[in-house]
Amino acid sequence: MHEERRRHVVYTTAWLEYHVRGGVCVAVRERGASEFLRGHLAIGAPIVGAIRLGAPTERVPGVGDSLCLGGARALVTPRVRGVSRPSRETTLRY
């Protein structure tokens, strides 16, 4: 049984792709790479909001925002350049 793809979102920054399922980062990889990075600090962290023009907000992140991830260590990404849905094949690799 496969998971619903609409639960998955990919936020692309200048260097990385952040793969999110149900509001939690489940995988990170370099743009253009096929393999996911192991041990990245964002993995397992929930998205708690966005930063736009230096102001934090709890809204859903979009293009131009920085992702704010919570958890044991707070993490703020570079600005998001794209938001997309991963392929089913990609979601099976998480």
Protein backbone atom coordinates (compact mmCIF):
# COMPACT_ATOMS: atom_id res chain seq x y z
CA MET A 1 0.00 0.00 0.00
CA HIS A 2 1.44 3.39 -0.96
CA GLU A 3 1.17 6.61 0.99
CA GLU A 4 -0.92 9.46 -0.35
CA ARG A 5 1.38 11.61 -2.46
CA ARG A 6 -0.41 14.85 -1.56
CA ARG A 7 0.99 14.54 1.96
CA HIS A 8 4.45 15.00 0.43
CA VAL A 9 6.02 18.34 -0.50
CA VAL A 10 9.50 19.16 -1.75
CA TYR A 11 10.93 22.57 -0.89
CA THR A 12 13.90 23.43 -3.11
CA THR A 13 16.51 25.96 -2.05
CA ALA A 14 19.66 27.05 -3.88
CA TRP A 15 21.54 23.90 -2.84
CA LEU A 16 19.18 21.38 -1.26
CA GLU A 17 15.79 19.70 -1.54
CA TYR A 18 13.85 19.27 1.71
CA HIS A 19 11.35 16.41 1.40
CA VAL A 20 8.45 16.81 3.82
CA ARG A 21 5.69 14.34 4.71
CA GLY A 22 2.82 15.46 6.91
CA GLY A 23 4.69 18.58 8.02
CA VAL A 24 7.90 16.74 9.04
CA CYS A 25 11.14 16.68 7.06
CA VAL A 26 11.79 13.05 6.10
CA ALA A 27 14.70 13.42 3.67
CA VAL A 28 17.24 15.92 2.36
CA ARG A 29 19.36 15.73 -0.77
CA GLU A 30 21.54 18.00 -2.85
CA ARG A 31 19.80 19.45 -5.89
CA GLY A 32 20.35 17.21 -8.86
CA ALA A 33 21.62 14.29 -6.76
CA SER A 34 19.92 10.92 -6.67
CA GLU A 35 20.99 9.87 -3.16
CA PHE A 36 19.63 11.37 0.04
CA LEU A 37 21.93 12.79 2.72
CA ARG A 38 22.15 10.79 5.92
CA GLY A 39 22.22 12.54 9.27
CA HIS A 40 21.18 16.00 8.08
CA LEU A 41 19.89 18.09 11.01
CA ALA A 42 16.56 18.78 9.27
CA ILE A 43 15.56 15.09 9.10
CA GLY A 44 12.83 14.40 11.65
CA ALA A 45 12.24 18.09 12.34
CA PRO A 46 8.74 19.55 11.97
CA ILE A 47 8.15 22.66 9.88
CA VAL A 48 6.98 25.23 12.39
CA GLY A 49 6.65 28.22 10.07
CA ALA A 50 8.36 30.46 7.57
CA ILE A 51 10.39 33.63 7.46
CA ARG A 52 9.58 36.24 4.85
CA LEU A 53 11.54 39.49 4.69
CA GLY A 54 13.07 38.75 8.08
CA ALA A 55 9.73 38.35 9.89
CA PRO A 56 8.77 34.93 11.30
CA THR A 57 5.27 33.64 10.64
CA GLU A 58 3.35 30.43 11.21
CA ARG A 59 2.00 30.34 7.65
CA VAL A 60 2.70 27.55 5.19
CA PRO A 61 6.09 28.25 3.55
CA GLY A 62 6.17 29.24 -0.11
CA VAL A 63 8.58 30.48 -2.75
CA GLY A 64 10.67 33.33 -1.36
CA ASP A 65 10.30 32.18 2.26
CA SER A 66 12.88 30.46 4.43
CA LEU A 67 11.71 27.27 6.14
CA CYS A 68 11.71 27.25 9.94
CA LEU A 69 12.20 23.75 11.30
CA GLY A 70 11.82 22.94 14.99
CA GLY A 71 12.91 20.03 17.11
CA ALA A 72 16.03 19.55 19.21
CA ARG A 73 17.82 22.18 17.11
CA ALA A 74 16.06 25.01 15.35
CA LEU A 75 17.02 25.32 11.70
CA VAL A 76 16.33 28.06 9.15
CA THR A 77 16.97 27.30 5.49
CA PRO A 78 17.97 29.62 2.67
CA ARG A 79 15.04 31.02 0.68
CA VAL A 80 12.79 28.51 -1.05
CA ARG A 81 13.10 28.64 -4.84
CA GLY A 82 10.45 26.05 -5.64
CA VAL A 83 7.68 23.98 -4.12
CA SER A 84 6.64 20.73 -5.79
CA ARG A 85 5.35 17.21 -5.26
CA PRO A 86 7.77 14.29 -5.45
CA SER A 87 7.17 11.31 -7.70
CA ARG A 88 5.72 8.18 -6.17
CA GLU A 89 9.03 6.42 -6.82
CA THR A 90 10.86 9.08 -4.82
CA THR A 91 8.49 8.80 -1.83
CA LEU A 92 9.13 5.04 -1.69
CA ARG A 93 12.85 5.77 -1.13
CA TYR A 94 12.44 7.77 2.09
